[in-house]
Structure formats: structure tokens, C-alpha cells
């Protein structure tokens, strides 16, 4: 059974991002998965940086021990890198870490 997950939040729709964050948090909190990695990508980064509800949802995933990683290329382009770092996100180039997670057996779930 696959019990390792990589959640990739790419949608700019705040409701979709909130749902993805809620699932990631609950997957760890309720031990639905042994491992959950969380990546913010593109439009989702701008949504998180600008929406108070999503900022609180990021705090909740951090409280569960999930360290969100935001795509530096996208966040620099949209001028939200500092805001994401201030929220506790690791802002870095994510292509390699996402690929490595998938190669290592994490199932990708894209929101």
C-alpha cells in the first residue's frame, strides 16, 4: 500500500488551496499517511501570500510538522518569496525535490 504522499498545490483558487492544505494537515494529524511532503507552486503561492485564511492554514500545517516548500522561480516572478518565507515556507527551487520524492515512491496529488 502506498502511504507516502507529495501534495502539490498549484491552483490559484483559494478554496482549492485551502482544501489541499486541510487534506495535508489531516493526513499527518490522523496518520492517514506515513509521510506527507507539501509543495506550493505558481498561482498557489500568490494565493497563500495574499489570503489571510490560507496564511492561517499554512500555520496549521506547520503545527503538524509539515514543512511547506515553495517554488523560488515562481515566487520570485510573482514577488512573494519574502512573504512565503515569513510564513515559514522553505523557498527553494522545487523541480528536483518533487522529482526525487516521486522517484522515492511518494504518490503525487496535485491540487
PDB file of N, CA and C in Angstrom:
ATOM      1  N   UNK A   1       0.840  -1.185   0.000  1.00  0.00           N
ATOM      2  CA  UNK A   1       0.000   0.000   0.000  1.00  0.00           C
ATOM      3  C   UNK A   1       0.884   1.248   0.000  1.00  0.00           C
ATOM      4  N   UNK A   2       0.539   2.197  -0.836  1.00  0.00           N
ATOM      5  CA  UNK A   2       1.281   3.461  -0.901  1.00  0.00           C
ATOM      6  C   UNK A   2       0.851   4.348   0.266  1.00  0.00           C
ATOM      7  N   UNK A   3       1.804   4.738   1.090  1.00  0.00           N
ATOM      8  CA  UNK A   3       1.478   5.563   2.247  1.00  0.00           C
ATOM      9  C   UNK A   3       2.407   6.763   2.357  1.00  0.00           C
ATOM     10  N   UNK A   4       2.986   7.135   1.235  1.00  0.00           N
ATOM     11  CA  UNK A   4       3.848   8.313   1.169  1.00  0.00           C
ATOM     12  C   UNK A   4       3.278   9.220   0.085  1.00  0.00           C
ATOM     13  N   UNK A   5       3.096  10.479   0.417  1.00  0.00           N
ATOM     14  CA  UNK A   5       2.372  11.396  -0.454  1.00  0.00           C
ATOM     15  C   UNK A   5       3.144  12.692  -0.651  1.00  0.00           C
ATOM     16  N   UNK A   6       3.097  13.196  -1.865  1.00  0.00           N
ATOM     17  CA  UNK A   6       3.603  14.538  -2.141  1.00  0.00           C
ATOM     18  C   UNK A   6       2.423  15.359  -2.659  1.00  0.00           C
ATOM     19  N   UNK A   7       2.024  16.352  -1.863  1.00  0.00           N
ATOM     20  CA  UNK A   7       0.911  17.237  -2.210  1.00  0.00           C
ATOM     21  C   UNK A   7       1.500  18.454  -2.910  1.00  0.00           C
ATOM     22  N   UNK A   8       1.023  18.711  -4.125  1.00  0.00           N
ATOM     23  CA  UNK A   8       1.484  19.851  -4.910  1.00  0.00           C
ATOM     24  C   UNK A   8       0.294  20.784  -5.107  1.00  0.00           C
ATOM     25  N   UNK A   9       0.377  21.960  -4.503  1.00  0.00           N
ATOM     26  CA  UNK A   9      -0.690  22.951  -4.623  1.00  0.00           C
ATOM     27  C   UNK A   9      -0.287  23.947  -5.694  1.00  0.00           C
ATOM     28  N   UNK A  10      -1.009  23.932  -6.816  1.00  0.00           N
ATOM     29  CA  UNK A  10      -0.684  24.795  -7.942  1.00  0.00           C
ATOM     30  C   UNK A  10      -1.825  25.737  -8.312  1.00  0.00           C
ATOM     31  N   UNK A  11      -3.023  25.444  -7.868  1.00  0.00           N
ATOM     32  CA  UNK A  11      -4.187  26.259  -8.211  1.00  0.00           C
ATOM     33  C   UNK A  11      -4.123  27.626  -7.536  1.00  0.00           C
ATOM     34  N   UNK A  12      -4.616  28.622  -8.239  1.00  0.00           N
ATOM     35  CA  UNK A  12      -4.730  29.948  -7.657  1.00  0.00           C
ATOM     36  C   UNK A  12      -6.065  30.168  -6.952  1.00  0.00           C
ATOM     37  N   UNK A  13      -6.952  29.193  -7.034  1.00  0.00           N
ATOM     38  CA  UNK A  13      -8.258  29.286  -6.390  1.00  0.00           C
ATOM     39  C   UNK A  13      -8.081  29.052  -4.888  1.00  0.00           C
ATOM     40  N   UNK A  14      -8.339  30.059  -4.066  1.00  0.00           N
ATOM     41  CA  UNK A  14      -8.126  29.907  -2.625  1.00  0.00           C
ATOM     42  C   UNK A  14      -8.877  28.731  -2.012  1.00  0.00           C
ATOM     43  N   UNK A  15     -10.059  28.400  -2.543  1.00  0.00           N
ATOM     44  CA  UNK A  15     -10.822  27.270  -1.994  1.00  0.00           C
ATOM     45  C   UNK A  15     -10.125  25.944  -2.269  1.00  0.00           C
ATOM     46  N   UNK A  16      -9.505  25.836  -3.445  1.00  0.00           N
ATOM     47  CA  UNK A  16      -8.777  24.610  -3.791  1.00  0.00           C
ATOM     48  C   UNK A  16      -7.524  24.494  -2.925  1.00  0.00           C
ATOM     49  N   UNK A  17      -6.807  25.593  -2.773  1.00  0.00           N
ATOM     50  CA  UNK A  17      -5.597  25.596  -1.949  1.00  0.00           C
ATOM     51  C   UNK A  17      -5.948  25.255  -0.507  1.00  0.00           C
ATOM     52  N   UNK A  18      -7.008  25.843   0.006  1.00  0.00           N
ATOM     53  CA  UNK A  18      -7.426  25.556   1.378  1.00  0.00           C
ATOM     54  C   UNK A  18      -7.766  24.077   1.561  1.00  0.00           C
ATOM     55  N   UNK A  19      -8.450  23.499   0.576  1.00  0.00           N
ATOM     56  CA  UNK A  19      -8.794  22.073   0.653  1.00  0.00           C
ATOM     57  C   UNK A  19      -7.532  21.212   0.652  1.00  0.00           C
ATOM     58  N   UNK A  20      -6.570  21.554  -0.194  1.00  0.00           N
ATOM     59  CA  UNK A  20      -5.318  20.801  -0.243  1.00  0.00           C
ATOM     60  C   UNK A  20      -4.538  20.899   1.055  1.00  0.00           C
ATOM     61  N   UNK A  21      -4.499  22.083   1.637  1.00  0.00           N
ATOM     62  CA  UNK A  21      -3.812  22.270   2.916  1.00  0.00           C
ATOM     63  C   UNK A  21      -4.512  21.499   4.028  1.00  0.00           C
ATOM     64  N   UNK A  22      -5.839  21.512   4.001  1.00  0.00           N
ATOM     65  CA  UNK A  22      -6.606  20.786   5.013  1.00  0.00           C
ATOM     66  C   UNK A  22      -6.335  19.285   4.902  1.00  0.00           C
ATOM     67  N   UNK A  23      -6.315  18.775   3.667  1.00  0.00           N
ATOM     68  CA  UNK A  23      -6.040  17.341   3.497  1.00  0.00           C
ATOM     69  C   UNK A  23      -4.639  16.996   3.987  1.00  0.00           C
ATOM     70  N   UNK A  24      -3.642  17.778   3.587  1.00  0.00           N
ATOM     71  CA  UNK A  24      -2.259  17.504   4.001  1.00  0.00           C
ATOM     72  C   UNK A  24      -2.147  17.493   5.523  1.00  0.00           C
ATOM     73  N   UNK A  25      -2.730  18.504   6.162  1.00  0.00           N
ATOM     74  CA  UNK A  25      -2.690  18.592   7.628  1.00  0.00           C
ATOM     75  C   UNK A  25      -3.350  17.382   8.267  1.00  0.00           C
ATOM     76  N   UNK A  26      -4.538  17.034   7.798  1.00  0.00           N
ATOM     77  CA  UNK A  26      -5.266  15.911   8.388  1.00  0.00           C
ATOM     78  C   UNK A  26      -4.615  14.559   8.085  1.00  0.00           C
ATOM     79  N   UNK A  27      -3.958  14.439   6.936  1.00  0.00           N
ATOM     80  CA  UNK A  27      -3.275  13.186   6.603  1.00  0.00           C
ATOM     81  C   UNK A  27      -2.170  12.893   7.606  1.00  0.00           C
ATOM     82  N   UNK A  28      -1.525  13.945   8.092  1.00  0.00           N
ATOM     83  CA  UNK A  28      -0.488  13.776   9.117  1.00  0.00           C
ATOM     84  C   UNK A  28      -1.130  13.637  10.498  1.00  0.00           C
ATOM     85  N   UNK A  29      -2.042  14.537  10.812  1.00  0.00           N
ATOM     86  CA  UNK A  29      -2.663  14.564  12.137  1.00  0.00           C
ATOM     87  C   UNK A  29      -3.339  13.233  12.483  1.00  0.00           C
ATOM     88  N   UNK A  30      -4.037  12.657  11.513  1.00  0.00           N
ATOM     89  CA  UNK A  30      -4.794  11.424  11.750  1.00  0.00           C
ATOM     90  C   UNK A  30      -4.043  10.174  11.291  1.00  0.00           C
ATOM     91  N   UNK A  31      -2.794  10.374  10.866  1.00  0.00           N
ATOM     92  CA  UNK A  31      -1.922   9.274  10.438  1.00  0.00           C
ATOM     93  C   UNK A  31      -2.512   8.477   9.279  1.00  0.00           C
ATOM     94  N   UNK A  32      -3.155   9.192   8.343  1.00  0.00           N
ATOM     95  CA  UNK A  32      -3.653   8.529   7.140  1.00  0.00           C
ATOM     96  C   UNK A  32      -2.495   8.116   6.252  1.00  0.00           C
ATOM     97  N   UNK A  33      -1.406   8.865   6.329  1.00  0.00           N
ATOM     98  CA  UNK A  33      -0.206   8.594   5.546  1.00  0.00           C
ATOM     99  C   UNK A  33       0.995   8.608   6.475  1.00  0.00           C
ATOM    100  N   UNK A  34       2.003   7.807   6.160  1.00  0.00           N
ATOM    101  CA  UNK A  34       3.228   7.802   6.957  1.00  0.00           C
ATOM    102  C   UNK A  34       4.067   9.040   6.690  1.00  0.00           C
ATOM    103  N   UNK A  35       3.998   9.538   5.474  1.00  0.00           N
ATOM    104  CA  UNK A  35       4.815  10.693   5.098  1.00  0.00           C
ATOM    105  C   UNK A  35       4.021  11.593   4.159  1.00  0.00           C
ATOM    106  N   UNK A  36       4.075  12.900   4.418  1.00  0.00           N
ATOM    107  CA  UNK A  36       3.432  13.887   3.547  1.00  0.00           C
ATOM    108  C   UNK A  36       4.428  15.014   3.296  1.00  0.00           C
ATOM    109  N   UNK A  37       4.703  15.261   2.026  1.00  0.00           N
ATOM    110  CA  UNK A  37       5.523  16.408   1.635  1.00  0.00           C
ATOM    111  C   UNK A  37       4.593  17.393   0.950  1.00  0.00           C
ATOM    112  N   UNK A  38       4.828  18.680   1.163  1.00  0.00           N
ATOM    113  CA  UNK A  38       3.935  19.717   0.656  1.00  0.00           C
ATOM    114  C   UNK A  38       4.724  20.740  -0.152  1.00  0.00           C
ATOM    115  N   UNK A  39       4.281  20.960  -1.385  1.00  0.00           N
ATOM    116  CA  UNK A  39       4.902  21.939  -2.272  1.00  0.00           C
ATOM    117  C   UNK A  39       3.870  22.961  -2.728  1.00  0.00           C
ATOM    118  N   UNK A  40       4.262  24.231  -2.691  1.00  0.00           N
ATOM    119  CA  UNK A  40       3.454  25.314  -3.247  1.00  0.00           C
ATOM    120  C   UNK A  40       4.089  25.698  -4.571  1.00  0.00           C
ATOM    121  N   UNK A  41       3.242  25.917  -5.560  1.00  0.00           N
ATOM    122  CA  UNK A  41       3.754  26.137  -6.899  1.00  0.00           C
ATOM    123  C   UNK A  41       2.904  27.188  -7.613  1.00  0.00           C
ATOM    124  N   UNK A  42       3.548  28.158  -8.213  1.00  0.00           N
ATOM    125  CA  UNK A  42       2.878  29.127  -9.081  1.00  0.00           C
ATOM    126  C   UNK A  42       1.760  29.895  -8.423  1.00  0.00           C
ATOM    127  N   UNK A  43       0.556  29.860  -9.022  1.00  0.00           N
ATOM    128  CA  UNK A  43      -0.565  30.653  -8.526  1.00  0.00           C
ATOM    129  C   UNK A  43      -0.922  30.377  -7.066  1.00  0.00           C
ATOM    130  N   UNK A  44      -0.688  29.170  -6.595  1.00  0.00           N
ATOM    131  CA  UNK A  44      -0.987  28.852  -5.191  1.00  0.00           C
ATOM    132  C   UNK A  44      -0.125  29.686  -4.258  1.00  0.00           C
ATOM    133  N   UNK A  45       1.087  29.991  -4.671  1.00  0.00           N
ATOM    134  CA  UNK A  45       1.976  30.792  -3.831  1.00  0.00           C
ATOM    135  C   UNK A  45       1.419  32.201  -3.635  1.00  0.00           C
ATOM    136  N   UNK A  46       0.950  32.804  -4.708  1.00  0.00           N
ATOM    137  CA  UNK A  46       0.367  34.144  -4.600  1.00  0.00           C
ATOM    138  C   UNK A  46      -0.886  34.125  -3.744  1.00  0.00           C
ATOM    139  N   UNK A  47      -1.685  33.073  -3.897  1.00  0.00           N
ATOM    140  CA  UNK A  47      -2.904  32.954  -3.086  1.00  0.00           C
ATOM    141  C   UNK A  47      -2.551  32.851  -1.609  1.00  0.00           C
ATOM    142  N   UNK A  48      -1.577  32.020  -1.275  1.00  0.00           N
ATOM    143  CA  UNK A  48      -1.175  31.855   0.126  1.00  0.00           C
ATOM    144  C   UNK A  48      -0.624  33.165   0.681  1.00  0.00           C
ATOM    145  N   UNK A  49       0.162  33.862  -0.116  1.00  0.00           N
ATOM    146  CA  UNK A  49       0.780  35.102   0.352  1.00  0.00           C
ATOM    147  C   UNK A  49      -0.246  36.209   0.589  1.00  0.00           C
ATOM    148  N   UNK A  50      -1.375  36.152  -0.112  1.00  0.00           N
ATOM    149  CA  UNK A  50      -2.322  37.268  -0.051  1.00  0.00           C
ATOM    150  C   UNK A  50      -3.605  36.994   0.734  1.00  0.00           C
ATOM    151  N   UNK A  51      -3.926  35.740   0.984  1.00  0.00           N
ATOM    152  CA  UNK A  51      -5.194  35.396   1.632  1.00  0.00           C
ATOM    153  C   UNK A  51      -4.989  35.062   3.117  1.00  0.00           C
ATOM    154  N   UNK A  52      -5.591  35.836   4.024  1.00  0.00           N
ATOM    155  CA  UNK A  52      -5.432  35.558   5.461  1.00  0.00           C
ATOM    156  C   UNK A  52      -5.843  34.148   5.863  1.00  0.00           C
ATOM    157  N   UNK A  53      -6.895  33.625   5.262  1.00  0.00           N
ATOM    158  CA  UNK A  53      -7.356  32.275   5.593  1.00  0.00           C
ATOM    159  C   UNK A  53      -6.294  31.242   5.239  1.00  0.00           C
ATOM    160  N   UNK A  54      -5.640  31.442   4.105  1.00  0.00           N
ATOM    161  CA  UNK A  54      -4.610  30.494   3.684  1.00  0.00           C
ATOM    162  C   UNK A  54      -3.348  30.629   4.526  1.00  0.00           C
ATOM    163  N   UNK A  55      -3.047  31.829   4.953  1.00  0.00           N
ATOM    164  CA  UNK A  55      -1.893  32.012   5.842  1.00  0.00           C
ATOM    165  C   UNK A  55      -2.115  31.249   7.149  1.00  0.00           C
ATOM    166  N   UNK A  56      -3.336  31.283   7.664  1.00  0.00           N
ATOM    167  CA  UNK A  56      -3.658  30.524   8.880  1.00  0.00           C
ATOM    168  C   UNK A  56      -3.583  29.021   8.618  1.00  0.00           C
ATOM    169  N   UNK A  57      -3.988  28.607   7.419  1.00  0.00           N
ATOM    170  CA  UNK A  57      -3.913  27.182   7.070  1.00  0.00           C
ATOM    171  C   UNK A  57      -2.458  26.723   6.969  1.00  0.00           C
ATOM    172  N   UNK A  58      -1.574  27.599   6.500  1.00  0.00           N
ATOM    173  CA  UNK A  58      -0.137  27.270   6.468  1.00  0.00           C
ATOM    174  C   UNK A  58       0.372  27.096   7.897  1.00  0.00           C
ATOM    175  N   UNK A  59      -0.033  27.976   8.799  1.00  0.00           N
ATOM    176  CA  UNK A  59       0.360  27.837  10.202  1.00  0.00           C
ATOM    177  C   UNK A  59      -0.094  26.491  10.762  1.00  0.00           C
ATOM    178  N   UNK A  60      -1.291  26.049  10.373  1.00  0.00           N
ATOM    179  CA  UNK A  60      -1.820  24.776  10.865  1.00  0.00           C
ATOM    180  C   UNK A  60      -0.997  23.597  10.352  1.00  0.00           C
ATOM    181  N   UNK A  61      -0.568  23.630   9.083  1.00  0.00           N
ATOM    182  CA  UNK A  61       0.252  22.518   8.592  1.00  0.00           C
ATOM    183  C   UNK A  61       1.626  22.538   9.252  1.00  0.00           C
ATOM    184  N   UNK A  62       2.153  23.719   9.493  1.00  0.00           N
ATOM    185  CA  UNK A  62       3.428  23.822  10.212  1.00  0.00           C
ATOM    186  C   UNK A  62       3.299  23.239  11.613  1.00  0.00           C
ATOM    187  N   UNK A  63       2.162  23.494  12.270  1.00  0.00           N
ATOM    188  CA  UNK A  63       1.919  22.958  13.609  1.00  0.00           C
ATOM    189  C   UNK A  63       1.886  21.429  13.622  1.00  0.00           C
ATOM    190  N   UNK A  64       1.538  20.829  12.494  1.00  0.00           N
ATOM    191  CA  UNK A  64       1.511  19.366  12.392  1.00  0.00           C
ATOM    192  C   UNK A  64       2.864  18.794  11.972  1.00  0.00           C
ATOM    193  N   UNK A  65       3.844  19.669  11.782  1.00  0.00           N
ATOM    194  CA  UNK A  65       5.179  19.198  11.432  1.00  0.00           C
ATOM    195  C   UNK A  65       5.451  19.105   9.948  1.00  0.00           C
ATOM    196  N   UNK A  66       4.562  19.637   9.140  1.00  0.00           N
ATOM    197  CA  UNK A  66       4.776  19.647   7.691  1.00  0.00           C
ATOM    198  C   UNK A  66       5.504  20.929   7.332  1.00  0.00           C
ATOM    199  N   UNK A  67       6.598  20.801   6.614  1.00  0.00           N
ATOM    200  CA  UNK A  67       7.382  21.964   6.192  1.00  0.00           C
ATOM    201  C   UNK A  67       7.084  22.256   4.727  1.00  0.00           C
ATOM    202  N   UNK A  68       6.218  23.244   4.445  1.00  0.00           N
ATOM    203  CA  UNK A  68       5.898  23.543   3.043  1.00  0.00           C
ATOM    204  C   UNK A  68       7.123  24.086   2.311  1.00  0.00           C
ATOM    205  N   UNK A  69       7.285  23.651   1.071  1.00  0.00           N
ATOM    206  CA  UNK A  69       8.350  24.164   0.234  1.00  0.00           C
ATOM    207  C   UNK A  69       7.695  24.916  -0.924  1.00  0.00           C
ATOM    208  N   UNK A  70       8.120  26.153  -1.134  1.00  0.00           N
ATOM    209  CA  UNK A  70       7.576  26.990  -2.203  1.00  0.00           C
ATOM    210  C   UNK A  70       8.599  27.106  -3.330  1.00  0.00           C
ATOM    211  N   UNK A  71       8.106  27.158  -4.554  1.00  0.00           N
ATOM    212  CA  UNK A  71       8.967  27.260  -5.723  1.00  0.00           C
ATOM    213  C   UNK A  71       9.562  28.666  -5.828  1.00  0.00           C
ATOM    214  N   UNK A  72      10.871  28.746  -5.701  1.00  0.00           N
ATOM    215  CA  UNK A  72      11.560  30.032  -5.745  1.00  0.00           C
ATOM    216  C   UNK A  72      11.414  30.710  -7.105  1.00  0.00           C
ATOM    217  N   UNK A  73      11.479  29.957  -8.167  1.00  0.00           N
ATOM    218  CA  UNK A  73      11.358  30.550  -9.508  1.00  0.00           C
ATOM    219  C   UNK A  73      10.007  31.248  -9.658  1.00  0.00           C
ATOM    220  N   UNK A  74       8.944  30.578  -9.240  1.00  0.00           N
ATOM    221  CA  UNK A  74       7.596  31.154  -9.355  1.00  0.00           C
ATOM    222  C   UNK A  74       7.387  32.285  -8.355  1.00  0.00           C
ATOM    223  N   UNK A  75       7.821  32.088  -7.126  1.00  0.00           N
ATOM    224  CA  UNK A  75       7.582  33.113  -6.107  1.00  0.00           C
ATOM    225  C   UNK A  75       8.405  34.372  -6.370  1.00  0.00           C
ATOM    226  N   UNK A  76       9.608  34.221  -6.910  1.00  0.00           N
ATOM    227  CA  UNK A  76      10.391  35.401  -7.300  1.00  0.00           C
ATOM    228  C   UNK A  76       9.688  36.156  -8.425  1.00  0.00           C
ATOM    229  N   UNK A  77       9.178  35.403  -9.385  1.00  0.00           N
ATOM    230  CA  UNK A  77       8.475  36.014 -10.525  1.00  0.00           C
ATOM    231  C   UNK A  77       7.265  36.825 -10.053  1.00  0.00           C
ATOM    232  N   UNK A  78       6.570  36.319  -9.037  1.00  0.00           N
ATOM    233  CA  UNK A  78       5.364  36.986  -8.527  1.00  0.00           C
ATOM    234  C   UNK A  78       5.639  37.871  -7.307  1.00  0.00           C
ATOM    235  N   UNK A  79       6.911  38.034  -6.959  1.00  0.00           N
ATOM    236  CA  UNK A  79       7.341  38.898  -5.851  1.00  0.00           C
ATOM    237  C   UNK A  79       6.702  38.521  -4.512  1.00  0.00           C
ATOM    238  N   UNK A  80       6.604  37.210  -4.247  1.00  0.00           N
ATOM    239  CA  UNK A  80       6.026  36.760  -2.975  1.00  0.00           C
ATOM    240  C   UNK A  80       6.990  35.889  -2.165  1.00  0.00           C
ATOM    241  N   UNK A  81       8.251  35.801  -2.586  1.00  0.00           N
ATOM    242  CA  UNK A  81       9.224  34.941  -1.888  1.00  0.00           C
ATOM    243  C   UNK A  81       9.378  35.327  -0.423  1.00  0.00           C
ATOM    244  N   UNK A  82       9.549  36.607  -0.157  1.00  0.00           N
ATOM    245  CA  UNK A  82       9.737  37.048   1.230  1.00  0.00           C
ATOM    246  C   UNK A  82       8.502  36.765   2.078  1.00  0.00           C
ATOM    247  N   UNK A  83       7.325  37.013   1.526  1.00  0.00           N
ATOM    248  CA  UNK A  83       6.086  36.760   2.273  1.00  0.00           C
ATOM    249  C   UNK A  83       5.962  35.276   2.623  1.00  0.00           C
ATOM    250  N   UNK A  84       6.306  34.396   1.688  1.00  0.00           N
ATOM    251  CA  UNK A  84       6.218  32.958   1.943  1.00  0.00           C
ATOM    252  C   UNK A  84       7.256  32.516   2.974  1.00  0.00           C
ATOM    253  N   UNK A  85       8.448  33.058   2.862  1.00  0.00           N
ATOM    254  CA  UNK A  85       9.489  32.733   3.857  1.00  0.00           C
ATOM    255  C   UNK A  85       9.065  33.201   5.242  1.00  0.00           C
ATOM    256  N   UNK A  86       8.452  34.380   5.317  1.00  0.00           N
ATOM    257  CA  UNK A  86       7.978  34.900   6.598  1.00  0.00           C
ATOM    258  C   UNK A  86       6.903  34.004   7.217  1.00  0.00           C
ATOM    259  N   UNK A  87       6.150  33.287   6.371  1.00  0.00           N
ATOM    260  CA  UNK A  87       5.124  32.357   6.864  1.00  0.00           C
ATOM    261  C   UNK A  87       5.724  31.040   7.348  1.00  0.00           C
ATOM    262  N   UNK A  88       6.987  30.816   7.044  1.00  0.00           N
ATOM    263  CA  UNK A  88       7.633  29.571   7.459  1.00  0.00           C
ATOM    264  C   UNK A  88       7.870  28.584   6.343  1.00  0.00           C
ATOM    265  N   UNK A  89       7.599  29.006   5.110  1.00  0.00           N
ATOM    266  CA  UNK A  89       7.851  28.129   3.967  1.00  0.00           C
ATOM    267  C   UNK A  89       9.334  28.142   3.614  1.00  0.00           C
ATOM    268  N   UNK A  90       9.812  27.008   3.157  1.00  0.00           N
ATOM    269  CA  UNK A  90      11.165  26.910   2.629  1.00  0.00           C
ATOM    270  C   UNK A  90      11.058  27.311   1.152  1.00  0.00           C
ATOM    271  N   UNK A  91      11.627  28.443   0.788  1.00  0.00           N
ATOM    272  CA  UNK A  91      11.558  28.926  -0.589  1.00  0.00           C
ATOM    273  C   UNK A  91      12.814  28.456  -1.307  1.00  0.00           C
ATOM    274  N   UNK A  92      12.633  27.550  -2.270  1.00  0.00           N
ATOM    275  CA  UNK A  92      13.759  26.946  -2.976  1.00  0.00           C
ATOM    276  C   UNK A  92      13.281  26.464  -4.349  1.00  0.00           C
ATOM    277  N   UNK A  93      14.224  26.099  -5.175  1.00  0.00           N
ATOM    278  CA  UNK A  93      13.859  25.527  -6.477  1.00  0.00           C
ATOM    279  C   UNK A  93      13.337  24.109  -6.218  1.00  0.00           C
ATOM    280  N   UNK A  94      12.124  23.815  -6.686  1.00  0.00           N
ATOM    281  CA  UNK A  94      11.446  22.584  -6.272  1.00  0.00           C
ATOM    282  C   UNK A  94      11.424  21.471  -7.311  1.00  0.00           C
ATOM    283  N   UNK A  95      11.895  21.722  -8.506  1.00  0.00           N
ATOM    284  CA  UNK A  95      11.851  20.684  -9.538  1.00  0.00           C
ATOM    285  C   UNK A  95      12.532  19.402  -9.115  1.00  0.00           C
ATOM    286  N   UNK A  96      13.742  19.529  -8.611  1.00  0.00           N
ATOM    287  CA  UNK A  96      14.486  18.346  -8.190  1.00  0.00           C
ATOM    288  C   UNK A  96      13.863  17.666  -6.968  1.00  0.00           C
ATOM    289  N   UNK A  97      13.490  18.427  -5.906  1.00  0.00           N
ATOM    290  CA  UNK A  97      12.872  17.747  -4.751  1.00  0.00           C
ATOM    291  C   UNK A  97      11.552  17.040  -5.082  1.00  0.00           C
ATOM    292  N   UNK A  98      10.748  17.628  -5.955  1.00  0.00           N
ATOM    293  CA  UNK A  98       9.497  16.952  -6.344  1.00  0.00           C
ATOM    294  C   UNK A  98       9.824  15.675  -7.106  1.00  0.00           C
ATOM    295  N   UNK A  99      10.740  15.772  -8.052  1.00  0.00           N
ATOM    296  CA  UNK A  99      11.127  14.593  -8.844  1.00  0.00           C
ATOM    297  C   UNK A  99      11.710  13.504  -7.960  1.00  0.00           C
ATOM    298  N   UNK A 100      12.537  13.891  -7.009  1.00  0.00           N
ATOM    299  CA  UNK A 100      13.143  12.929  -6.093  1.00  0.00           C
ATOM    300  C   UNK A 100      12.078  12.245  -5.235  1.00  0.00           C
ATOM    301  N   UNK A 101      11.113  13.015  -4.751  1.00  0.00           N
ATOM    302  CA  UNK A 101      10.043  12.432  -3.937  1.00  0.00           C
ATOM    303  C   UNK A 101       9.253  11.397  -4.730  1.00  0.00           C
ATOM    304  N   UNK A 102       8.962  11.700  -5.981  1.00  0.00           N
ATOM    305  CA  UNK A 102       8.219  10.757  -6.824  1.00  0.00           C
ATOM    306  C   UNK A 102       9.067   9.520  -7.101  1.00  0.00           C
ATOM    307  N   UNK A 103      10.351   9.724  -7.430  1.00  0.00           N
ATOM    308  CA  UNK A 103      11.244   8.587  -7.661  1.00  0.00           C
ATOM    309  C   UNK A 103      11.351   7.707  -6.422  1.00  0.00           C
ATOM    310  N   UNK A 104      11.286   8.330  -5.245  1.00  0.00           N
ATOM    311  CA  UNK A 104      11.397   7.587  -3.986  1.00  0.00           C
ATOM    312  C   UNK A 104      10.096   6.926  -3.549  1.00  0.00           C
ATOM    313  N   UNK A 105       9.057   7.008  -4.378  1.00  0.00           N
ATOM    314  CA  UNK A 105       7.827   6.298  -4.100  1.00  0.00           C
ATOM    315  C   UNK A 105       6.680   7.110  -3.552  1.00  0.00           C
ATOM    316  N   UNK A 106       6.846   8.424  -3.417  1.00  0.00           N
ATOM    317  CA  UNK A 106       5.724   9.256  -2.984  1.00  0.00           C
ATOM    318  C   UNK A 106       4.722   9.378  -4.126  1.00  0.00           C
ATOM    319  N   UNK A 107       3.474   9.265  -3.801  1.00  0.00           N
ATOM    320  CA  UNK A 107       2.401   9.415  -4.787  1.00  0.00           C
ATOM    321  C   UNK A 107       2.093  10.908  -4.918  1.00  0.00           C
ATOM    322  N   UNK A 108       2.118  11.465  -6.153  1.00  0.00           N
ATOM    323  CA  UNK A 108       1.790  12.886  -6.306  1.00  0.00           C
ATOM    324  C   UNK A 108       0.285  13.117  -6.281  1.00  0.00           C
ATOM    325  N   UNK A 109      -0.126  14.139  -5.543  1.00  0.00           N
ATOM    326  CA  UNK A 109      -1.518  14.574  -5.508  1.00  0.00           C
ATOM    327  C   UNK A 109      -1.489  16.059  -5.808  1.00  0.00           C
ATOM    328  N   UNK A 110      -2.034  16.446  -6.953  1.00  0.00           N
ATOM    329  CA  UNK A 110      -1.958  17.832  -7.404  1.00  0.00           C
ATOM    330  C   UNK A 110      -3.311  18.503  -7.243  1.00  0.00           C
ATOM    331  N   UNK A 111      -3.276  19.646  -6.595  1.00  0.00           N
ATOM    332  CA  UNK A 111      -4.498  20.424  -6.344  1.00  0.00           C
ATOM    333  C   UNK A 111      -4.401  21.719  -7.120  1.00  0.00           C
TER     334      UNK A 111
END
